[in-house]
Amino acid sequence: MARELLTSGADLIVTVGTAHAVAAQNASRTVPIVMLASGYPVEAGLARSLRKPEGNVTGVSVYAGSEVFGKHVALFKELVPHMRELGIFWGYAPPAYPERETELAAGGMRRAADALAIGTRVWMNPDERELDKNLVALADSRPDGLYVSAGGAQSVPAGIAKVAAYCEKRRLPTVCEVAGVFFQAGGVLSYSPDFGELGVRAASFVDRILRGAKAGDLPIEQPTRFQLVVNLKRAKTIGLTVPASLLLRADRVIE
């Protein structure tokens, strides 16, 4: 798709997600690429550094240099105070996404979990076959909660339905890193950047580049606003009482 865009004469490509930026850069090292959102662009080989990208990729990194995944674990502990075991369904999996991204994100979650005396286990779900196998493994593991990232088999309609139904049947609370399609169906809590802000900032990069700036000279930025969303409707479905402390801090509550 990136090559088709370039063949059609695109002067600039905007991407969402590290995998899309990698694909675009593989197609061209000269056409400017603006990341509306990405994971770890330096570790993925997209830029030399956040401050000085130097190549043809710039934009916004959602996770680099932050402790957002540790924040997710802390919020989960607040949501489920008795938590001792946390399952992680990870969708940003190779070959589309660099393995290094998984290591960094999971590492941040493990450090936060260790500090709270919570055990963790990660299951990678790049496709439906792995998802089906990991749902069986999840039943044997019996965690107190499930963290569900976007990406992979758990972000397509069939996968969303399977995971949401599984969690509802077992009354398993879920936290998501994006208030996206899975969250609407089966998530209880989400903590993510304000994607409206990211869109505006990405447009600013596009504007500067089309006015003559070089992508490699524009520092990669990070979000300044995050949103806490509580799906109270889902919580009631699985019989979970959301603490008042979370409801008071929520930017949005789905009744």
Protein backbone atom coordinates (compact mmCIF):
# COMPACT_ATOMS: atom_id res chain seq x y z
CA MET A 1 0.00 0.00 0.00
CA ALA A 2 2.89 2.37 0.78
CA ARG A 3 4.41 1.69 -2.64
CA GLU A 4 1.03 2.33 -4.29
CA LEU A 5 0.78 5.70 -2.53
CA LEU A 6 4.23 6.65 -3.75
CA THR A 7 3.46 5.51 -7.29
CA SER A 8 0.37 7.71 -7.26
CA GLY A 9 2.62 10.71 -6.57
CA ALA A 10 2.19 11.26 -2.82
CA ASP A 11 4.35 14.14 -1.56
CA LEU A 12 4.06 12.99 2.07
CA ILE A 13 2.69 9.98 3.97
CA VAL A 14 0.94 10.11 7.37
CA THR A 15 0.97 6.88 9.37
CA VAL A 16 -0.72 5.53 12.50
CA GLY A 17 1.27 2.87 14.34
CA THR A 18 4.90 1.80 14.15
CA ALA A 19 4.21 -0.98 11.64
CA HIS A 20 2.77 1.50 9.14
CA ALA A 21 5.71 3.88 9.53
CA VAL A 22 8.16 1.01 9.02
CA ALA A 23 6.34 -0.07 5.87
CA ALA A 24 6.34 3.48 4.54
CA GLN A 25 10.06 3.94 5.23
CA ASN A 26 10.82 0.61 3.59
CA ALA A 27 9.07 1.96 0.49
CA SER A 28 10.94 5.29 0.50
CA ARG A 29 13.84 6.87 2.36
CA THR A 30 13.22 10.28 0.79
CA VAL A 31 9.47 11.00 0.86
CA PRO A 32 8.60 12.61 4.23
CA ILE A 33 6.66 10.42 6.70
CA VAL A 34 4.69 11.92 9.59
CA MET A 35 3.66 9.58 12.42
CA LEU A 36 0.33 10.61 13.91
CA ALA A 37 1.14 8.02 16.57
CA SER A 38 3.89 5.44 17.02
CA GLY A 39 5.43 3.28 19.71
CA TYR A 40 9.22 3.40 19.93
CA PRO A 41 10.51 4.97 16.69
CA VAL A 42 14.20 4.98 17.65
CA GLU A 43 14.25 1.33 18.69
CA ALA A 44 12.28 0.45 15.54
CA GLY A 45 14.99 2.03 13.40
CA LEU A 46 12.80 4.87 12.13
CA ALA A 47 14.89 7.69 13.63
CA ARG A 48 18.35 8.22 15.08
CA SER A 49 16.91 9.98 18.15
CA LEU A 50 13.72 11.73 19.22
CA ARG A 51 15.45 15.10 19.26
CA LYS A 52 17.20 14.68 15.90
CA PRO A 53 15.47 12.05 13.72
CA GLU A 54 17.84 12.75 10.76
CA GLY A 55 15.97 10.51 8.29
CA ASN A 56 12.63 11.05 6.55
CA VAL A 57 10.39 10.16 9.54
CA THR A 58 9.09 12.45 12.29
CA GLY A 59 5.84 13.05 14.17
CA VAL A 60 4.57 11.82 17.52
CA SER A 61 5.72 8.91 19.68
CA VAL A 62 3.07 7.78 22.14
CA TYR A 63 5.22 5.60 24.40
CA ALA A 64 8.94 6.41 24.02
CA GLY A 65 10.46 7.92 27.13
CA SER A 66 7.25 7.48 29.13
CA GLU A 67 6.08 5.14 31.86
CA VAL A 68 2.59 4.82 30.43
CA PHE A 69 2.53 1.02 30.61
CA GLY A 70 3.49 1.17 34.27
CA LYS A 71 0.62 3.61 34.74
CA HIS A 72 -1.73 1.05 33.21
CA VAL A 73 -0.67 -1.53 35.81
CA ALA A 74 -1.13 0.97 38.66
CA LEU A 75 -4.62 1.82 37.41
CA PHE A 76 -5.46 -1.88 37.14
CA LYS A 77 -4.39 -2.42 40.75
CA GLU A 78 -6.64 0.47 41.79
CA LEU A 79 -9.50 -1.06 39.81
CA VAL A 80 -8.91 -4.57 41.22
CA PRO A 81 -7.24 -4.14 44.65
CA HIS A 82 -6.95 -7.91 45.25
CA MET A 83 -5.01 -8.45 42.01
CA ARG A 84 -2.15 -10.95 42.27
CA GLU A 85 -1.87 -12.19 38.67
CA LEU A 86 -2.20 -10.10 35.51
CA GLY A 87 -2.61 -11.58 32.05
CA ILE A 88 -1.50 -9.54 29.04
CA PHE A 89 -2.92 -10.06 25.55
CA TRP A 90 -0.47 -8.31 23.23
CA GLY A 91 -1.42 -7.55 19.63
CA TYR A 92 1.52 -5.44 18.41
CA ALA A 93 3.38 -8.54 17.34
CA PRO A 94 6.04 -9.43 14.75
CA PRO A 95 6.37 -9.48 11.82
CA ALA A 96 4.34 -6.28 11.44
CA TYR A 97 5.68 -4.70 14.63
CA PRO A 98 9.31 -4.84 15.85
CA GLU A 99 9.87 -7.36 18.64
CA ARG A 100 11.81 -4.68 20.52
CA GLU A 101 8.56 -2.75 21.05
CA THR A 102 7.01 -5.72 22.83
CA GLU A 103 10.07 -6.10 25.03
CA LEU A 104 10.01 -2.44 26.07
CA ALA A 105 6.28 -2.30 26.76
CA ALA A 106 6.17 -5.62 28.60
CA GLY A 107 9.27 -4.64 30.56
CA GLY A 108 7.59 -1.47 31.76
CA MET A 109 4.54 -3.44 32.85
CA ARG A 110 6.61 -6.08 34.62
CA ARG A 111 8.58 -3.51 36.61
CA ALA A 112 5.39 -1.81 37.76
CA ALA A 113 3.78 -5.17 38.55
CA ASP A 114 6.81 -6.36 40.53
CA ALA A 115 6.63 -3.22 42.67
CA LEU A 116 3.00 -4.07 43.46
CA ALA A 117 3.68 -7.79 44.05
CA ILE A 118 1.71 -8.76 40.92
CA GLY A 119 2.76 -11.61 38.67
CA THR A 120 2.47 -11.16 34.89
CA ARG A 121 2.24 -13.36 31.84
CA VAL A 122 2.25 -12.17 28.23
CA TRP A 123 0.48 -13.88 25.32
CA MET A 124 1.20 -12.69 21.77
CA ASN A 125 -1.80 -12.69 19.41
CA PRO A 126 -0.64 -11.87 15.87
CA ASP A 127 -3.33 -14.05 14.25
CA GLU A 128 -6.58 -15.90 15.00
CA ARG A 129 -4.87 -19.25 15.48
CA GLU A 130 -2.63 -17.89 18.24
CA LEU A 131 -5.56 -16.07 19.81
CA ASP A 132 -7.63 -19.27 20.03
CA LYS A 133 -4.68 -21.16 21.54
CA ASN A 134 -3.99 -18.39 24.05
CA LEU A 135 -7.61 -18.18 25.19
CA VAL A 136 -7.27 -21.83 26.24
CA ALA A 137 -4.01 -21.06 28.03
CA LEU A 138 -5.63 -18.07 29.71
CA ALA A 139 -8.34 -20.32 31.16
CA ASP A 140 -5.66 -22.48 32.77
CA SER A 141 -3.74 -19.48 34.08
CA ARG A 142 -6.79 -17.84 35.74
CA PRO A 143 -5.46 -14.27 36.16
CA ASP A 144 -7.31 -11.63 38.17
CA GLY A 145 -7.45 -9.28 35.20
CA LEU A 146 -6.56 -9.07 31.52
CA TYR A 147 -4.71 -6.23 29.79
CA VAL A 148 -5.70 -6.04 26.11
CA SER A 149 -3.63 -3.96 23.70
CA ALA A 150 -4.78 -2.88 20.27
CA GLY A 151 -3.38 -4.58 17.17
CA GLY A 152 -3.32 -8.17 16.01
CA ALA A 153 -6.14 -10.70 16.11
CA GLN A 154 -7.81 -9.13 19.14
CA SER A 155 -8.54 -5.93 17.19
CA VAL A 156 -10.56 -7.46 14.33
CA PRO A 157 -14.30 -8.17 14.73
CA ALA A 158 -14.00 -11.95 15.22
CA GLY A 159 -11.21 -11.59 17.79
CA ILE A 160 -12.95 -8.79 19.64
CA ALA A 161 -16.08 -10.91 19.98
CA LYS A 162 -14.13 -13.94 21.26
CA VAL A 163 -12.14 -12.06 23.89
CA ALA A 164 -15.10 -9.96 25.04
CA ALA A 165 -17.32 -13.06 25.39
CA TYR A 166 -14.57 -14.93 27.23
CA CYS A 167 -14.10 -12.10 29.74
CA GLU A 168 -17.84 -11.64 30.24
CA LYS A 169 -18.40 -15.33 30.92
CA ARG A 170 -15.60 -15.41 33.51
CA ARG A 171 -16.31 -11.92 34.87
CA LEU A 172 -12.73 -10.95 34.06
CA PRO A 173 -11.98 -7.20 34.20
CA THR A 174 -9.99 -5.70 31.34
CA VAL A 175 -7.86 -2.59 30.88
CA CYS A 176 -6.96 -1.26 27.42
CA GLU A 177 -4.27 1.12 26.20
CA VAL A 178 -6.65 2.59 23.60
CA ALA A 179 -10.35 3.38 23.96
CA GLY A 180 -10.98 1.70 20.63
CA VAL A 181 -13.20 -1.02 19.24
CA PHE A 182 -12.29 -3.71 21.78
CA PHE A 183 -12.76 -1.27 24.66
CA GLN A 184 -16.25 -0.43 23.45
CA ALA A 185 -17.13 -4.14 23.42
CA GLY A 186 -15.27 -5.55 26.40
CA GLY A 187 -13.09 -2.99 28.18
CA VAL A 188 -13.64 -1.57 31.65
CA LEU A 189 -10.90 1.03 31.79
CA SER A 190 -8.72 2.77 29.21
CA TYR A 191 -5.85 5.22 29.63
CA SER A 192 -4.54 6.64 26.38
CA PRO A 193 -3.35 9.82 24.69
CA ASP A 194 -5.91 12.33 23.49
CA PHE A 195 -5.99 11.31 19.83
CA GLY A 196 -7.66 14.58 18.92
CA GLU A 197 -4.53 16.35 20.14
CA LEU A 198 -2.33 13.92 18.21
CA GLY A 199 -4.23 14.67 15.02
CA VAL A 200 -3.74 18.41 15.42
CA ARG A 201 -0.04 17.99 16.13
CA ALA A 202 0.43 15.66 13.17
CA ALA A 203 -1.23 18.29 10.97
CA SER A 204 1.31 20.81 12.25
CA PHE A 205 4.16 18.54 11.09
CA VAL A 206 2.53 18.18 7.68
CA ASP A 207 2.15 21.94 7.38
CA ARG A 208 5.78 22.67 8.27
CA ILE A 209 7.13 20.01 5.90
CA LEU A 210 5.00 21.17 2.97
CA ARG A 211 6.30 24.69 3.66
CA GLY A 212 9.87 23.47 3.25
CA ALA A 213 11.03 21.99 6.56
CA LYS A 214 12.91 18.67 6.48
CA ALA A 215 11.37 15.78 8.41
CA GLY A 216 14.75 14.77 9.82
CA ASP A 217 15.19 18.23 11.38
CA LEU A 218 11.85 18.20 13.26
CA PRO A 219 12.09 16.60 16.73
CA ILE A 220 9.68 13.74 17.42
CA GLU A 221 7.16 14.90 20.00
CA GLN A 222 5.27 13.13 22.78
CA PRO A 223 1.67 13.47 24.01
CA THR A 224 0.89 16.11 26.60
CA ARG A 225 -2.65 14.99 27.39
CA PHE A 226 -3.94 11.54 28.35
CA GLN A 227 -7.52 10.50 28.90
CA LEU A 228 -8.92 8.09 31.47
CA VAL A 229 -12.14 6.46 30.25
CA VAL A 230 -14.30 4.16 32.36
CA ASN A 231 -16.83 1.82 30.76
CA LEU A 232 -19.26 1.60 33.65
CA LYS A 233 -21.73 -0.34 31.52
CA ARG A 234 -19.19 -3.13 31.03
CA ALA A 235 -18.21 -3.08 34.69
CA LYS A 236 -21.82 -3.66 35.71
CA THR A 237 -22.12 -6.51 33.19
CA ILE A 238 -19.31 -8.45 34.89
CA GLY A 239 -20.36 -7.45 38.41
CA LEU A 240 -17.38 -5.16 39.08
CA THR A 241 -17.68 -2.09 41.28
CA VAL A 242 -15.46 0.71 39.98
CA PRO A 243 -13.83 2.65 42.85
CA ALA A 244 -15.05 6.20 43.31
CA SER A 245 -11.45 7.42 43.08
CA LEU A 246 -11.32 6.30 39.43
CA LEU A 247 -14.76 7.65 38.57
CA LEU A 248 -13.86 11.06 39.97
CA ARG A 249 -10.68 11.24 37.89
CA ALA A 250 -12.23 9.88 34.68
CA ASP A 251 -12.34 12.18 31.68
CA ARG A 252 -15.27 10.19 30.34
CA VAL A 253 -17.65 7.61 31.82
CA ILE A 254 -19.69 5.33 29.59
CA GLU A 255 -22.98 4.61 31.39
